[in-house]
N, C-alpha and C. Protein backbone atom coordinates (compact mmCIF):
# COMPACT_ATOMS: atom_id res chain seq x y z
N MET A 1 -71.56 -13.48 102.42
CA MET A 1 -71.20 -14.87 102.16
C MET A 1 -69.81 -15.18 102.70
N GLU A 2 -68.87 -14.23 102.53
CA GLU A 2 -67.52 -14.46 103.01
C GLU A 2 -67.51 -14.60 104.53
N GLN A 3 -68.33 -13.79 105.22
CA GLN A 3 -68.40 -13.87 106.67
C GLN A 3 -68.92 -15.24 107.10
N GLN A 4 -69.90 -15.77 106.38
CA GLN A 4 -70.44 -17.09 106.70
C GLN A 4 -69.36 -18.16 106.57
N ALA A 5 -68.56 -18.09 105.51
CA ALA A 5 -67.50 -19.08 105.30
C ALA A 5 -66.48 -19.03 106.43
N ALA A 6 -66.24 -17.83 106.95
CA ALA A 6 -65.24 -17.68 108.01
C ALA A 6 -65.74 -18.23 109.34
N CYS A 7 -67.03 -18.49 109.47
CA CYS A 7 -67.58 -18.93 110.75
C CYS A 7 -67.86 -20.42 110.82
N ASN A 8 -67.54 -21.19 109.81
CA ASN A 8 -67.78 -22.63 109.86
C ASN A 8 -66.83 -23.27 110.85
N GLY A 9 -67.35 -24.18 111.67
CA GLY A 9 -66.51 -24.87 112.63
C GLY A 9 -66.27 -24.05 113.88
N PRO A 10 -65.53 -24.62 114.84
CA PRO A 10 -65.23 -23.90 116.08
C PRO A 10 -64.48 -22.59 115.82
N LEU A 11 -64.79 -21.57 116.60
CA LEU A 11 -64.16 -20.26 116.41
C LEU A 11 -62.66 -20.27 116.68
N HIS A 12 -62.21 -21.14 117.55
CA HIS A 12 -60.82 -21.06 118.00
C HIS A 12 -59.91 -22.10 117.35
N LEU A 13 -60.21 -22.45 116.11
CA LEU A 13 -59.31 -23.31 115.35
C LEU A 13 -58.07 -22.52 114.96
N ILE A 14 -56.95 -23.21 114.96
CA ILE A 14 -55.68 -22.60 114.56
C ILE A 14 -55.07 -23.49 113.50
N THR A 15 -54.66 -22.89 112.38
CA THR A 15 -54.01 -23.64 111.31
C THR A 15 -52.52 -23.38 111.37
N VAL A 16 -51.75 -24.47 111.44
CA VAL A 16 -50.29 -24.39 111.44
C VAL A 16 -49.82 -24.85 110.07
N CYS A 17 -49.27 -23.92 109.30
CA CYS A 17 -48.77 -24.21 107.95
C CYS A 17 -47.25 -24.37 108.04
N VAL A 18 -46.77 -25.59 107.84
CA VAL A 18 -45.34 -25.86 107.89
C VAL A 18 -44.79 -25.71 106.47
N ASP A 19 -43.92 -24.71 106.29
CA ASP A 19 -43.35 -24.44 104.97
C ASP A 19 -41.99 -25.07 104.78
N SER A 20 -41.31 -25.38 105.87
CA SER A 20 -39.99 -25.98 105.79
C SER A 20 -39.75 -26.83 107.03
N ASP A 21 -39.04 -27.91 106.84
CA ASP A 21 -38.68 -28.79 107.95
C ASP A 21 -37.20 -29.11 107.84
N ALA A 22 -36.40 -28.10 107.53
CA ALA A 22 -34.97 -28.28 107.31
C ALA A 22 -34.27 -28.64 108.62
N GLY A 23 -33.55 -29.75 108.60
CA GLY A 23 -32.79 -30.15 109.78
C GLY A 23 -33.66 -30.41 110.98
N SER A 24 -34.85 -30.93 110.77
CA SER A 24 -35.81 -31.21 111.85
C SER A 24 -36.21 -29.97 112.63
N ARG A 25 -36.09 -28.81 112.01
CA ARG A 25 -36.53 -27.55 112.62
C ARG A 25 -37.59 -26.93 111.73
N MET A 26 -38.85 -27.17 112.07
CA MET A 26 -39.93 -26.68 111.23
C MET A 26 -40.08 -25.17 111.32
N SER A 27 -40.54 -24.60 110.23
CA SER A 27 -40.86 -23.17 110.21
C SER A 27 -42.07 -22.97 109.32
N GLY A 28 -42.77 -21.89 109.55
CA GLY A 28 -43.95 -21.62 108.74
C GLY A 28 -44.79 -20.50 109.31
N ARG A 29 -46.13 -20.67 109.17
CA ARG A 29 -47.08 -19.62 109.53
C ARG A 29 -48.24 -20.21 110.31
N ILE A 30 -48.82 -19.38 111.17
CA ILE A 30 -50.00 -19.76 111.93
C ILE A 30 -51.12 -18.79 111.56
N TYR A 31 -52.32 -19.34 111.35
CA TYR A 31 -53.50 -18.52 111.03
C TYR A 31 -54.61 -18.84 112.02
N HIS A 32 -55.44 -17.82 112.29
CA HIS A 32 -56.62 -18.01 113.13
C HIS A 32 -57.74 -17.12 112.59
N ARG A 33 -58.93 -17.26 113.15
CA ARG A 33 -60.11 -16.59 112.62
C ARG A 33 -60.15 -15.08 112.85
N PHE A 34 -59.40 -14.58 113.80
CA PHE A 34 -59.56 -13.19 114.19
C PHE A 34 -58.57 -12.23 113.54
N SER A 35 -57.79 -12.71 112.59
CA SER A 35 -56.83 -11.85 111.88
C SER A 35 -56.51 -12.46 110.53
N ASN A 36 -56.27 -11.59 109.56
CA ASN A 36 -55.82 -12.05 108.24
C ASN A 36 -54.30 -12.17 108.17
N GLN A 37 -53.63 -11.67 109.19
CA GLN A 37 -52.17 -11.65 109.18
C GLN A 37 -51.60 -12.97 109.69
N PRO A 38 -50.66 -13.56 108.96
CA PRO A 38 -50.03 -14.79 109.45
C PRO A 38 -49.10 -14.48 110.62
N ILE A 39 -48.93 -15.45 111.49
CA ILE A 39 -47.96 -15.35 112.58
C ILE A 39 -46.82 -16.29 112.22
N PRO A 40 -45.64 -15.76 111.89
CA PRO A 40 -44.53 -16.65 111.52
C PRO A 40 -43.98 -17.35 112.76
N PHE A 41 -43.47 -18.57 112.55
CA PHE A 41 -42.84 -19.30 113.66
C PHE A 41 -41.60 -20.01 113.16
N LEU A 42 -40.71 -20.29 114.10
CA LEU A 42 -39.50 -21.06 113.82
C LEU A 42 -39.35 -22.07 114.94
N GLY A 43 -39.40 -23.33 114.61
CA GLY A 43 -39.22 -24.40 115.58
C GLY A 43 -40.50 -24.75 116.33
N ALA A 44 -40.45 -25.91 116.97
CA ALA A 44 -41.61 -26.39 117.74
C ALA A 44 -41.96 -25.42 118.86
N GLU A 45 -40.92 -24.86 119.48
CA GLU A 45 -41.19 -23.92 120.57
C GLU A 45 -41.88 -22.67 120.05
N GLY A 46 -41.58 -22.27 118.83
CA GLY A 46 -42.26 -21.12 118.21
C GLY A 46 -43.74 -21.38 118.02
N VAL A 47 -44.08 -22.61 117.62
CA VAL A 47 -45.49 -22.99 117.48
C VAL A 47 -46.17 -22.89 118.84
N LEU A 48 -45.56 -23.48 119.86
CA LEU A 48 -46.18 -23.51 121.19
C LEU A 48 -46.33 -22.11 121.77
N PHE A 49 -45.27 -21.30 121.71
CA PHE A 49 -45.34 -19.95 122.27
C PHE A 49 -46.38 -19.10 121.54
N SER A 50 -46.46 -19.23 120.22
CA SER A 50 -47.42 -18.43 119.45
C SER A 50 -48.86 -18.82 119.78
N ILE A 51 -49.13 -20.11 119.86
CA ILE A 51 -50.48 -20.56 120.18
C ILE A 51 -50.84 -20.18 121.62
N GLU A 52 -49.90 -20.34 122.54
CA GLU A 52 -50.15 -19.98 123.94
C GLU A 52 -50.47 -18.49 124.05
N LYS A 53 -49.73 -17.67 123.32
CA LYS A 53 -49.97 -16.22 123.35
C LYS A 53 -51.38 -15.91 122.84
N LEU A 54 -51.79 -16.55 121.75
CA LEU A 54 -53.15 -16.34 121.24
C LEU A 54 -54.20 -16.73 122.27
N MET A 55 -54.03 -17.90 122.88
CA MET A 55 -55.03 -18.36 123.85
C MET A 55 -55.07 -17.44 125.07
N ASP A 56 -53.93 -16.92 125.49
CA ASP A 56 -53.92 -15.97 126.60
C ASP A 56 -54.64 -14.68 126.22
N GLU A 57 -54.41 -14.20 125.00
CA GLU A 57 -55.08 -12.98 124.54
C GLU A 57 -56.59 -13.19 124.45
N TRP A 58 -57.01 -14.36 123.98
CA TRP A 58 -58.44 -14.66 123.86
C TRP A 58 -59.06 -15.02 125.20
N ASP A 59 -58.21 -15.43 126.14
CA ASP A 59 -58.66 -16.01 127.40
C ASP A 59 -59.56 -17.22 127.13
N TYR A 60 -59.14 -17.97 126.11
CA TYR A 60 -59.89 -19.17 125.71
C TYR A 60 -58.96 -20.17 125.06
N PRO A 61 -59.03 -21.45 125.41
CA PRO A 61 -59.72 -21.90 126.61
C PRO A 61 -59.02 -21.36 127.85
N GLN A 62 -59.79 -21.14 128.87
CA GLN A 62 -59.22 -20.58 130.09
C GLN A 62 -58.26 -21.57 130.72
N SER A 63 -57.16 -21.05 131.22
CA SER A 63 -56.16 -21.88 131.88
C SER A 63 -56.59 -22.14 133.32
N THR A 64 -56.39 -23.37 133.78
CA THR A 64 -56.75 -23.69 135.17
C THR A 64 -55.65 -23.27 136.14
N LEU A 65 -54.47 -22.94 135.62
CA LEU A 65 -53.35 -22.51 136.46
C LEU A 65 -52.81 -21.19 135.96
N LYS A 66 -52.32 -20.38 136.88
CA LYS A 66 -51.65 -19.15 136.49
C LYS A 66 -50.18 -19.50 136.27
N MET A 67 -49.67 -19.20 135.09
CA MET A 67 -48.29 -19.53 134.77
C MET A 67 -47.34 -18.66 135.59
N ARG A 68 -46.28 -19.27 136.06
CA ARG A 68 -45.25 -18.55 136.82
C ARG A 68 -44.24 -17.96 135.86
N SER A 69 -43.62 -16.88 136.28
CA SER A 69 -42.63 -16.23 135.43
C SER A 69 -41.61 -15.52 136.30
N PHE A 70 -40.36 -15.52 135.86
CA PHE A 70 -39.32 -14.77 136.57
C PHE A 70 -39.53 -13.27 136.39
N ALA A 71 -40.18 -12.88 135.30
CA ALA A 71 -40.34 -11.47 134.97
C ALA A 71 -41.69 -10.91 135.39
N GLY A 72 -42.44 -11.63 136.19
CA GLY A 72 -43.78 -11.17 136.52
C GLY A 72 -44.74 -11.55 135.41
N VAL A 73 -45.75 -10.76 135.21
CA VAL A 73 -46.73 -11.04 134.17
C VAL A 73 -46.25 -10.47 132.85
N SER A 74 -46.10 -11.33 131.86
CA SER A 74 -45.68 -10.86 130.54
C SER A 74 -46.86 -10.21 129.84
N PRO A 75 -46.60 -9.31 128.88
CA PRO A 75 -47.69 -8.60 128.21
C PRO A 75 -48.71 -9.53 127.56
N HIS A 76 -48.26 -10.68 127.03
CA HIS A 76 -49.23 -11.55 126.35
C HIS A 76 -50.09 -12.35 127.32
N GLN A 77 -49.73 -12.33 128.62
CA GLN A 77 -50.55 -13.05 129.59
C GLN A 77 -51.70 -12.19 130.09
N ARG A 78 -51.66 -10.90 129.80
CA ARG A 78 -52.76 -10.03 130.17
C ARG A 78 -53.85 -10.17 129.13
N ARG A 79 -55.06 -10.40 129.57
CA ARG A 79 -56.16 -10.61 128.63
C ARG A 79 -56.40 -9.34 127.82
N GLN A 80 -56.47 -9.51 126.53
CA GLN A 80 -56.79 -8.42 125.63
C GLN A 80 -58.31 -8.33 125.52
N PRO A 81 -58.85 -7.12 125.58
CA PRO A 81 -60.30 -7.06 125.36
C PRO A 81 -60.57 -7.52 123.94
N GLY A 82 -61.55 -8.33 123.77
CA GLY A 82 -61.79 -8.74 122.40
C GLY A 82 -62.46 -10.08 122.22
N MET A 83 -62.98 -10.68 123.26
CA MET A 83 -63.70 -11.92 123.02
C MET A 83 -64.96 -11.64 122.22
N ALA A 84 -65.31 -10.37 122.08
CA ALA A 84 -66.44 -10.01 121.23
C ALA A 84 -65.97 -9.83 119.79
N ARG A 85 -64.77 -10.29 119.51
CA ARG A 85 -64.23 -10.18 118.15
C ARG A 85 -65.12 -10.92 117.17
N LYS A 86 -65.05 -10.47 115.94
CA LYS A 86 -65.78 -11.16 114.88
C LYS A 86 -64.80 -11.96 114.06
N ALA A 87 -65.24 -13.11 113.61
CA ALA A 87 -64.41 -13.94 112.74
C ALA A 87 -64.29 -13.24 111.40
N ILE A 88 -63.06 -12.94 111.00
CA ILE A 88 -62.84 -12.25 109.72
C ILE A 88 -62.01 -13.08 108.76
N ASN A 89 -61.63 -14.26 109.18
CA ASN A 89 -60.72 -15.06 108.37
C ASN A 89 -61.11 -16.53 108.48
N ASP A 90 -60.82 -17.28 107.45
CA ASP A 90 -61.02 -18.73 107.49
C ASP A 90 -59.65 -19.39 107.53
N PRO A 91 -59.19 -19.81 108.70
CA PRO A 91 -57.85 -20.39 108.78
C PRO A 91 -57.72 -21.70 108.01
N LEU A 92 -58.85 -22.32 107.68
CA LEU A 92 -58.80 -23.58 106.94
C LEU A 92 -58.47 -23.37 105.46
N ALA A 93 -58.43 -22.12 105.03
CA ALA A 93 -58.16 -21.82 103.62
C ALA A 93 -56.66 -21.83 103.31
N TYR A 94 -55.81 -21.95 104.32
CA TYR A 94 -54.37 -21.87 104.12
C TYR A 94 -53.72 -23.25 104.18
N THR A 95 -52.66 -23.41 103.41
CA THR A 95 -51.90 -24.66 103.44
C THR A 95 -50.41 -24.36 103.51
N GLY A 96 -49.68 -25.28 104.12
CA GLY A 96 -48.23 -25.17 104.19
C GLY A 96 -47.59 -25.88 103.01
N GLN A 97 -46.36 -25.51 102.71
CA GLN A 97 -45.64 -26.15 101.60
C GLN A 97 -45.32 -27.61 101.93
N ASP A 98 -44.98 -27.90 103.18
CA ASP A 98 -44.63 -29.27 103.58
C ASP A 98 -45.78 -30.00 104.28
N ALA A 99 -46.54 -29.29 105.11
CA ALA A 99 -47.64 -29.93 105.84
C ALA A 99 -48.57 -28.85 106.39
N THR A 100 -49.80 -29.27 106.67
CA THR A 100 -50.80 -28.38 107.25
C THR A 100 -51.50 -29.11 108.39
N PHE A 101 -51.57 -28.45 109.54
CA PHE A 101 -52.22 -29.02 110.72
C PHE A 101 -53.28 -28.05 111.23
N VAL A 102 -54.43 -28.58 111.59
CA VAL A 102 -55.49 -27.78 112.19
C VAL A 102 -55.56 -28.19 113.66
N VAL A 103 -55.29 -27.24 114.53
CA VAL A 103 -55.21 -27.49 115.97
C VAL A 103 -56.44 -26.90 116.66
N HIS A 104 -57.07 -27.72 117.48
CA HIS A 104 -58.20 -27.25 118.28
C HIS A 104 -57.89 -27.58 119.74
N VAL A 105 -57.41 -26.59 120.47
CA VAL A 105 -57.14 -26.77 121.90
C VAL A 105 -58.47 -26.59 122.62
N LYS A 106 -58.91 -27.65 123.28
CA LYS A 106 -60.21 -27.62 123.97
C LYS A 106 -60.07 -27.25 125.44
N TYR A 107 -58.96 -27.66 126.05
CA TYR A 107 -58.74 -27.43 127.48
C TYR A 107 -57.29 -27.05 127.72
N ARG A 108 -57.09 -26.22 128.75
CA ARG A 108 -55.74 -25.95 129.26
C ARG A 108 -55.77 -26.31 130.74
N GLN A 109 -55.40 -27.55 131.02
CA GLN A 109 -55.43 -28.06 132.39
C GLN A 109 -54.06 -28.62 132.75
N ASN A 110 -53.74 -28.54 134.04
CA ASN A 110 -52.48 -29.10 134.55
C ASN A 110 -51.27 -28.53 133.81
N ALA A 111 -51.32 -27.25 133.52
CA ALA A 111 -50.22 -26.51 132.88
C ALA A 111 -49.88 -27.02 131.48
N THR A 112 -50.86 -27.62 130.81
CA THR A 112 -50.63 -28.05 129.43
C THR A 112 -51.96 -28.01 128.67
N TRP A 113 -51.97 -28.54 127.46
CA TRP A 113 -53.14 -28.46 126.59
C TRP A 113 -53.70 -29.84 126.29
N GLN A 114 -55.00 -29.85 126.02
CA GLN A 114 -55.66 -31.05 125.53
C GLN A 114 -56.56 -30.64 124.37
N GLY A 115 -56.61 -31.47 123.35
CA GLY A 115 -57.46 -31.15 122.20
C GLY A 115 -57.27 -32.12 121.07
N THR A 116 -57.51 -31.64 119.85
CA THR A 116 -57.35 -32.48 118.66
C THR A 116 -56.47 -31.76 117.65
N VAL A 117 -55.75 -32.56 116.88
CA VAL A 117 -54.97 -32.03 115.77
C VAL A 117 -55.33 -32.85 114.54
N THR A 118 -55.57 -32.15 113.44
CA THR A 118 -55.87 -32.81 112.18
C THR A 118 -54.73 -32.54 111.22
N TRP A 119 -54.17 -33.60 110.69
CA TRP A 119 -53.16 -33.48 109.63
C TRP A 119 -53.97 -33.32 108.36
N ALA A 120 -54.15 -32.09 107.91
CA ALA A 120 -55.07 -31.77 106.82
C ALA A 120 -54.68 -32.43 105.51
N ASP A 121 -53.38 -32.60 105.26
CA ASP A 121 -52.92 -33.19 104.00
C ASP A 121 -53.39 -34.63 103.83
N LYS A 122 -53.52 -35.35 104.93
CA LYS A 122 -53.92 -36.76 104.89
C LYS A 122 -55.30 -36.99 105.52
N ASN A 123 -55.92 -35.90 106.01
CA ASN A 123 -57.21 -35.97 106.67
C ASN A 123 -57.20 -36.99 107.82
N LYS A 124 -56.13 -36.96 108.61
CA LYS A 124 -56.00 -37.82 109.79
C LYS A 124 -56.12 -36.95 111.04
N GLN A 125 -56.88 -37.44 112.01
CA GLN A 125 -57.08 -36.68 113.23
C GLN A 125 -56.65 -37.51 114.44
N GLN A 126 -56.02 -36.83 115.40
CA GLN A 126 -55.62 -37.47 116.65
C GLN A 126 -55.92 -36.53 117.81
N ASN A 127 -56.24 -37.11 118.95
CA ASN A 127 -56.36 -36.34 120.18
C ASN A 127 -54.97 -36.20 120.78
N PHE A 128 -54.72 -35.09 121.46
CA PHE A 128 -53.47 -34.95 122.20
C PHE A 128 -53.80 -34.57 123.64
N ARG A 129 -52.94 -35.03 124.56
CA ARG A 129 -53.16 -34.80 125.99
C ARG A 129 -52.18 -33.81 126.58
N SER A 130 -51.24 -33.35 125.76
CA SER A 130 -50.27 -32.36 126.23
C SER A 130 -49.71 -31.62 125.03
N ALA A 131 -49.11 -30.47 125.29
CA ALA A 131 -48.47 -29.72 124.22
C ALA A 131 -47.32 -30.52 123.62
N LEU A 132 -46.61 -31.27 124.46
CA LEU A 132 -45.52 -32.11 123.96
C LEU A 132 -46.06 -33.18 123.01
N GLU A 133 -47.17 -33.80 123.38
CA GLU A 133 -47.75 -34.82 122.51
C GLU A 133 -48.21 -34.20 121.19
N LEU A 134 -48.73 -32.98 121.22
CA LEU A 134 -49.10 -32.28 119.98
C LEU A 134 -47.90 -32.15 119.06
N ILE A 135 -46.78 -31.70 119.61
CA ILE A 135 -45.56 -31.53 118.80
C ILE A 135 -45.08 -32.88 118.28
N LYS A 136 -45.13 -33.91 119.11
CA LYS A 136 -44.70 -35.24 118.66
C LYS A 136 -45.59 -35.76 117.53
N LEU A 137 -46.90 -35.51 117.60
CA LEU A 137 -47.80 -35.92 116.52
C LEU A 137 -47.47 -35.18 115.23
N MET A 138 -47.22 -33.89 115.34
CA MET A 138 -46.87 -33.11 114.15
C MET A 138 -45.54 -33.59 113.57
N ASP A 139 -44.59 -33.86 114.46
CA ASP A 139 -43.28 -34.33 114.02
C ASP A 139 -43.38 -35.69 113.34
N SER A 140 -44.22 -36.58 113.89
CA SER A 140 -44.37 -37.90 113.27
C SER A 140 -45.02 -37.79 111.89
N ALA A 141 -45.92 -36.85 111.73
CA ALA A 141 -46.53 -36.63 110.42
C ALA A 141 -45.50 -36.11 109.43
N MET A 142 -44.63 -35.22 109.89
CA MET A 142 -43.57 -34.69 109.02
C MET A 142 -42.63 -35.82 108.61
N ASP A 143 -42.29 -36.70 109.56
CA ASP A 143 -41.43 -37.85 109.25
C ASP A 143 -42.11 -38.77 108.25
N GLU A 144 -43.41 -39.02 108.45
CA GLU A 144 -44.15 -39.91 107.55
C GLU A 144 -44.23 -39.33 106.14
N SER A 145 -44.37 -38.01 106.04
CA SER A 145 -44.46 -37.40 104.72
C SER A 145 -43.13 -37.44 103.99
N LEU A 146 -42.03 -37.59 104.73
CA LEU A 146 -40.71 -37.68 104.10
C LEU A 146 -40.37 -39.10 103.67
N LEU A 147 -41.06 -40.11 104.19
CA LEU A 147 -40.72 -41.50 103.91
C LEU A 147 -40.69 -41.84 102.42
N PRO A 148 -41.70 -41.51 101.61
CA PRO A 148 -41.62 -41.86 100.19
C PRO A 148 -40.42 -41.21 99.50
N GLU A 149 -40.09 -40.00 99.91
CA GLU A 149 -38.94 -39.30 99.35
C GLU A 149 -37.65 -40.03 99.72
N GLN A 150 -37.55 -40.47 100.98
CA GLN A 150 -36.36 -41.19 101.43
C GLN A 150 -36.25 -42.54 100.74
N GLU A 151 -37.38 -43.23 100.55
CA GLU A 151 -37.36 -44.52 99.87
C GLU A 151 -36.90 -44.36 98.42
N GLN A 152 -37.36 -43.30 97.77
CA GLN A 152 -36.97 -43.06 96.39
C GLN A 152 -35.46 -42.80 96.31
N THR A 153 -34.93 -42.03 97.25
CA THR A 153 -33.50 -41.75 97.29
C THR A 153 -32.72 -43.04 97.52
N ALA A 154 -33.20 -43.90 98.40
CA ALA A 154 -32.53 -45.18 98.66
C ALA A 154 -32.55 -46.06 97.42
N GLU A 155 -33.68 -46.09 96.72
CA GLU A 155 -33.77 -46.89 95.49
C GLU A 155 -32.81 -46.37 94.42
N GLN A 156 -32.70 -45.05 94.32
CA GLN A 156 -31.77 -44.46 93.35
C GLN A 156 -30.34 -44.81 93.71
N GLY A 157 -30.03 -44.78 95.01
CA GLY A 157 -28.68 -45.14 95.46
C GLY A 157 -28.37 -46.59 95.17
N ALA A 158 -29.34 -47.48 95.40
CA ALA A 158 -29.15 -48.91 95.12
C ALA A 158 -28.96 -49.14 93.62
N ALA A 159 -29.70 -48.40 92.80
CA ALA A 159 -29.57 -48.55 91.34
C ALA A 159 -28.19 -48.12 90.88
N LEU A 160 -27.65 -47.08 91.50
CA LEU A 160 -26.30 -46.63 91.13
C LEU A 160 -25.25 -47.66 91.52
N ILE A 161 -25.43 -48.26 92.71
CA ILE A 161 -24.47 -49.26 93.18
C ILE A 161 -24.53 -50.52 92.32
N ASN A 162 -25.73 -50.95 92.00
CA ASN A 162 -25.92 -52.17 91.21
C ASN A 162 -25.65 -51.96 89.72
N GLY A 163 -25.55 -50.70 89.34
CA GLY A 163 -25.21 -50.34 87.96
C GLY A 163 -26.22 -50.73 87.01
């Protein structure tokens, strides 16, 4: 039964659990179906590098371009044997302290990503056409989730001033 639960939905979903957004620098954990171990990240670039590394290891979705590097081929760009991996984890079972996003990269074309991101906390879904747009969508969700908190702080400040 547990194996069945781990296989619902697309195999290559990635859950980004944002635990902190201190100073506009998010940090948290990334989960996927092929491991029970979280992948910690710090900052938007950490999210992008971690997801890119996973996709390179899976060779899915396949990239239409070979990435250039000053150092030659990095270890994570070499395909790891394992597309015959079995789903052992349900990444949808995890949540972040501040926000949770489910990322489904469908294509890697023109040196970037295309797919969908779901803001799980609000059940809102958006398509993204680039990795930058993905980060901007996540950032806008983080800003939106802070708005009620900021409004409450402003109201408290106004109450103190007005006595």
